[in-house]
Protein backbone atom coordinates (compact mmCIF):
# COMPACT_ATOMS: atom_id res chain seq x y z
CA MET A 1 18.38 15.74 7.08
CA ARG A 2 14.30 14.61 7.94
CA GLU A 3 13.22 11.15 6.99
CA HIS A 4 10.12 11.02 4.78
CA ILE A 5 8.31 7.75 5.57
CA GLY A 6 5.97 5.64 2.96
CA ILE A 7 2.83 4.23 4.25
CA PHE A 8 1.95 1.30 1.56
CA GLY A 9 -1.20 -0.80 3.03
CA GLY A 10 -2.78 -3.73 1.76
CA THR A 11 -3.94 -7.51 2.58
CA PHE A 12 -0.94 -9.24 0.47
CA ASP A 13 -2.64 -11.98 -0.15
CA PRO A 14 -0.22 -13.18 -1.07
CA VAL A 15 2.28 -10.38 -1.68
CA HIS A 16 3.33 -10.48 -5.87
CA ASN A 17 6.09 -8.95 -8.00
CA GLY A 18 3.23 -6.26 -8.53
CA HIS A 19 3.35 -4.85 -5.58
CA SER A 20 6.84 -5.04 -5.64
CA ALA A 21 6.81 -2.79 -8.86
CA VAL A 22 4.50 -0.08 -7.10
CA ALA A 23 6.60 0.72 -3.77
CA ARG A 24 9.75 0.76 -6.17
CA SER A 25 8.33 3.00 -8.01
CA VAL A 26 6.92 5.00 -5.21
CA GLN A 27 9.66 4.96 -3.62
CA LEU A 28 11.93 6.38 -6.32
CA ALA A 29 9.24 8.96 -6.99
CA CYS A 30 8.88 10.68 -3.65
CA SER A 31 12.46 9.74 -2.64
CA PHE A 32 11.27 7.80 0.78
CA SER A 33 13.93 6.98 3.33
CA ARG A 34 11.69 4.53 4.73
CA MET A 35 9.11 2.49 3.21
CA ILE A 36 6.52 0.81 5.51
CA TRP A 37 4.12 -2.38 3.94
CA MET A 38 1.48 -1.79 6.87
CA LEU A 39 -0.56 -5.46 5.95
CA GLY A 40 -4.24 -5.19 7.07
CA ASN A 41 -6.20 -7.21 9.25
CA SER A 42 -8.93 -8.36 6.69
CA TRP A 43 -11.68 -7.74 8.53
CA GLN A 44 -13.67 -5.92 5.56
CA LYS A 45 -13.01 -9.04 3.25
CA SER A 46 -15.17 -11.55 2.80
CA HIS A 47 -12.95 -13.76 1.42
CA VAL A 48 -8.81 -14.22 2.75
CA GLY A 49 -7.02 -16.85 1.04
CA ALA A 50 -4.43 -17.14 3.64
CA PRO A 51 -4.29 -16.97 7.52
CA MET A 52 -2.20 -13.51 8.44
CA ASN A 53 0.57 -15.58 10.07
CA HIS A 54 0.87 -16.50 7.21
CA ARG A 55 0.85 -13.33 5.04
CA LEU A 56 2.96 -11.81 7.51
CA SER A 57 5.76 -14.59 6.96
CA MET A 58 5.33 -14.17 3.43
CA LEU A 59 5.21 -10.10 3.41
CA TYR A 60 8.62 -10.53 5.43
CA ARG A 61 10.04 -12.76 3.15
CA ALA A 62 9.40 -9.99 -0.09
CA THR A 63 10.32 -7.01 1.66
CA ALA A 64 13.62 -8.52 2.59
CA GLN A 65 14.61 -8.57 -1.23
CA CYS A 66 13.66 -4.44 -1.06
CA PRO A 67 16.73 -2.15 0.91
CA GLY A 68 14.82 0.66 2.95
CA HIS A 69 11.51 -1.64 3.30
CA GLU A 70 9.92 -3.47 6.42
CA VAL A 71 6.92 -4.29 7.64
CA GLY A 72 4.60 -2.57 9.64
CA LEU A 73 3.07 -4.37 12.68
CA TYR A 74 0.27 -1.69 14.15
CA GLU A 75 -2.72 -3.42 11.96
CA VAL A 76 -1.87 -6.63 12.34
CA ASN A 77 -1.72 -6.38 16.43
CA ARG A 78 -5.23 -4.51 16.84
CA SER A 79 -8.45 -7.14 17.07
CA GLY A 80 -11.87 -6.08 15.15
CA SER A 81 -12.01 -2.92 12.61
CA THR A 82 -9.37 -0.69 11.43
CA TYR A 83 -9.52 2.52 9.78
CA THR A 84 -6.65 3.79 7.55
CA ILE A 85 -7.17 7.20 9.39
CA SER A 86 -7.13 5.50 12.97
CA THR A 87 -3.56 4.07 12.10
CA VAL A 88 -2.14 7.45 10.45
CA ARG A 89 -3.30 9.29 13.42
CA ALA A 90 -1.67 6.34 15.82
CA LEU A 91 1.23 7.09 13.92
CA ARG A 92 1.25 10.31 14.03
CA GLU A 93 0.65 10.37 18.20
CA LYS A 94 3.57 7.94 17.87
CA TRP A 95 5.97 9.82 15.85
CA GLY A 96 4.77 13.44 15.51
CA TYR A 97 4.50 15.90 12.83
CA ASP A 98 7.77 16.92 11.92
CA PHE A 99 8.40 15.06 9.32
CA PRO A 100 6.99 14.08 5.49
CA LEU A 101 4.45 11.10 6.37
CA THR A 102 2.87 9.68 3.05
CA VAL A 103 0.34 7.11 1.89
CA VAL A 104 0.57 5.05 -0.81
CA LEU A 105 -2.89 4.88 -2.78
CA GLY A 106 -3.70 2.86 -6.24
CA TRP A 107 -6.41 5.03 -8.66
CA ASP A 108 -9.29 2.83 -7.52
CA SER A 109 -8.71 3.90 -3.54
CA PHE A 110 -8.57 7.65 -4.70
CA VAL A 111 -11.42 7.95 -6.39
CA GLY A 112 -13.46 5.98 -3.59
CA LEU A 113 -11.54 7.94 -1.03
CA LEU A 114 -15.11 9.95 -0.29
CA THR A 115 -16.09 6.32 0.82
CA TRP A 116 -13.37 5.97 3.17
CA LYS A 117 -13.84 6.90 6.70
CA ASP A 118 -13.01 10.67 7.34
CA GLY A 119 -11.15 9.70 4.20
CA VAL A 120 -10.66 13.72 2.89
CA ASP A 121 -9.43 14.31 6.23
CA LEU A 122 -6.26 11.72 6.16
CA LEU A 123 -4.56 15.31 4.53
CA ARG A 124 -4.87 16.68 7.67
CA GLU A 125 -2.53 13.36 8.58
CA VAL A 126 -0.60 12.27 5.81
CA ASN A 127 0.07 13.56 2.28
CA LEU A 128 -0.76 11.52 -0.44
CA ALA A 129 0.50 9.51 -3.27
CA ILE A 130 -1.59 8.03 -6.19
CA VAL A 131 -0.24 5.39 -7.86
CA TYR A 132 -2.15 4.83 -11.21
CA ARG A 133 -1.55 3.38 -14.65
CA ASP A 134 -1.68 4.07 -18.32
CA ILE A 135 -3.81 7.94 -17.93
CA ALA A 136 -5.79 8.90 -14.86
CA PRO A 137 -9.42 9.13 -15.99
CA SER A 138 -10.71 12.46 -16.33
CA TYR A 139 -13.62 11.95 -14.07
CA LEU A 140 -13.58 12.35 -10.24
CA PRO A 141 -16.55 14.11 -7.76
CA ASP A 142 -16.10 17.16 -5.63
CA PRO A 143 -13.98 17.53 -3.83
CA LEU A 144 -11.49 14.84 -5.18
CA SER A 145 -10.96 16.68 -8.55
CA LEU A 146 -10.27 19.70 -6.96
CA LEU A 147 -7.24 17.67 -4.89
CA TRP A 148 -5.97 16.23 -8.13
CA ARG A 149 -6.19 19.33 -9.99
CA GLY A 150 -3.84 21.00 -7.11
CA ARG A 151 -1.57 17.57 -7.13
CA GLN A 152 2.62 17.29 -6.71
CA LYS A 153 5.19 15.66 -8.74
CA HIS A 154 7.08 16.15 -5.65
CA LEU A 155 7.14 17.32 -2.05
CA LEU A 156 7.75 21.17 -2.41
CA HIS A 157 9.67 22.23 0.90
CA GLY A 158 9.21 18.87 2.10
CA GLN A 159 5.40 19.37 3.41
CA CYS A 160 4.72 16.84 6.85
CA TYR A 161 1.16 16.52 5.12
CA GLY A 162 -2.00 18.03 2.77
CA VAL A 163 0.00 17.17 -0.41
CA VAL A 164 -1.48 14.89 -3.22
CA LEU A 165 1.54 13.00 -5.11
CA ASP A 166 0.84 12.48 -8.72
CA VAL A 167 2.89 8.89 -8.98
CA PRO A 168 1.86 7.15 -12.97
CA MET A 169 3.83 4.33 -13.62
CA VAL A 170 3.91 1.05 -15.96
CA PRO A 171 0.92 -1.07 -15.75
CA VAL A 172 1.79 -4.61 -14.04
CA SER A 173 0.35 -7.46 -15.30
CA VAL A 174 -0.62 -9.46 -11.55
CA SER A 175 -2.88 -9.17 -9.33
CA SER A 176 -3.40 -11.42 -5.81
CA THR A 177 -6.80 -12.75 -7.42
CA HIS A 178 -4.89 -13.83 -10.86
CA ILE A 179 -2.43 -15.46 -8.54
CA ARG A 180 -4.91 -17.57 -6.30
CA ASN A 181 -7.01 -18.79 -8.55
CA ALA A 182 -4.26 -20.32 -10.60
CA LEU A 183 -3.19 -22.01 -7.63
CA ARG A 184 -6.34 -23.62 -6.79
CA THR A 185 -5.80 -25.33 -10.23
CA SER A 186 -2.23 -26.07 -10.84
CA ASP A 187 1.78 -24.97 -9.77
CA ASN A 188 1.87 -22.04 -11.46
CA TYR A 189 3.86 -19.04 -9.36
CA SER A 190 4.57 -16.83 -11.75
CA GLY A 191 4.52 -13.43 -10.30
CA LEU A 192 5.92 -14.18 -7.24
CA PHE A 193 9.55 -14.25 -5.24
CA PRO A 194 10.79 -17.26 -5.19
CA ASP A 195 11.25 -17.04 -1.42
CA VAL A 196 7.21 -16.55 -1.51
CA ALA A 197 6.65 -19.05 -4.20
CA ALA A 198 8.42 -21.44 -1.52
CA TYR A 199 6.48 -20.78 1.12
CA ILE A 200 3.38 -21.06 -0.41
CA SER A 201 4.83 -24.66 -1.69
CA GLU A 202 5.99 -25.40 1.88
CA HIS A 203 2.62 -24.74 3.46
CA ASP A 204 0.43 -25.74 0.84
CA LEU A 205 -1.44 -22.22 0.83
CA TYR A 206 -4.12 -21.34 -1.68
CA ARG A 207 -5.38 -24.89 -2.48
């Protein structure tokens, strides 16, 4: 049986229970054999709450609670600008095209895909699993509207790339921004894995 690998990218600043809920939901819906949490290097972010080494340590602690999940270091090990299209092309060059590789995107990221570097070309390399909460908005610009109308609930015949997958899920009321703001003024660690909360406390992060 071929592997089906999922790529879940983000700055994870900090990683929290909402990230885990998304990752587990998509893994279940898409039957990933492996889920790789790809830590981004934040080069496009104007503000980063914790340095890369701390975010990486927290991510290792979080994924240790999720069987079949692992941390990806490709973007961590690169300096300067990194784009999703560059990452998936590098992974395909390394691993080949003979197995399904699926990138997990939130609805907002999918809506903005046309502003990404070679965004639509992602489907030449990977499948896209689109996670949305409640009801997805009805308006999408072309060609995203066409892609969304042709979406699937699962990979028919195990397509290796080119498929848009539909993954609705229950809303999760936690965000990294909310957690950072709460930690600046209190010891409120709600929404965090216990091991991650302990790490943040030990290293006095987000103060």
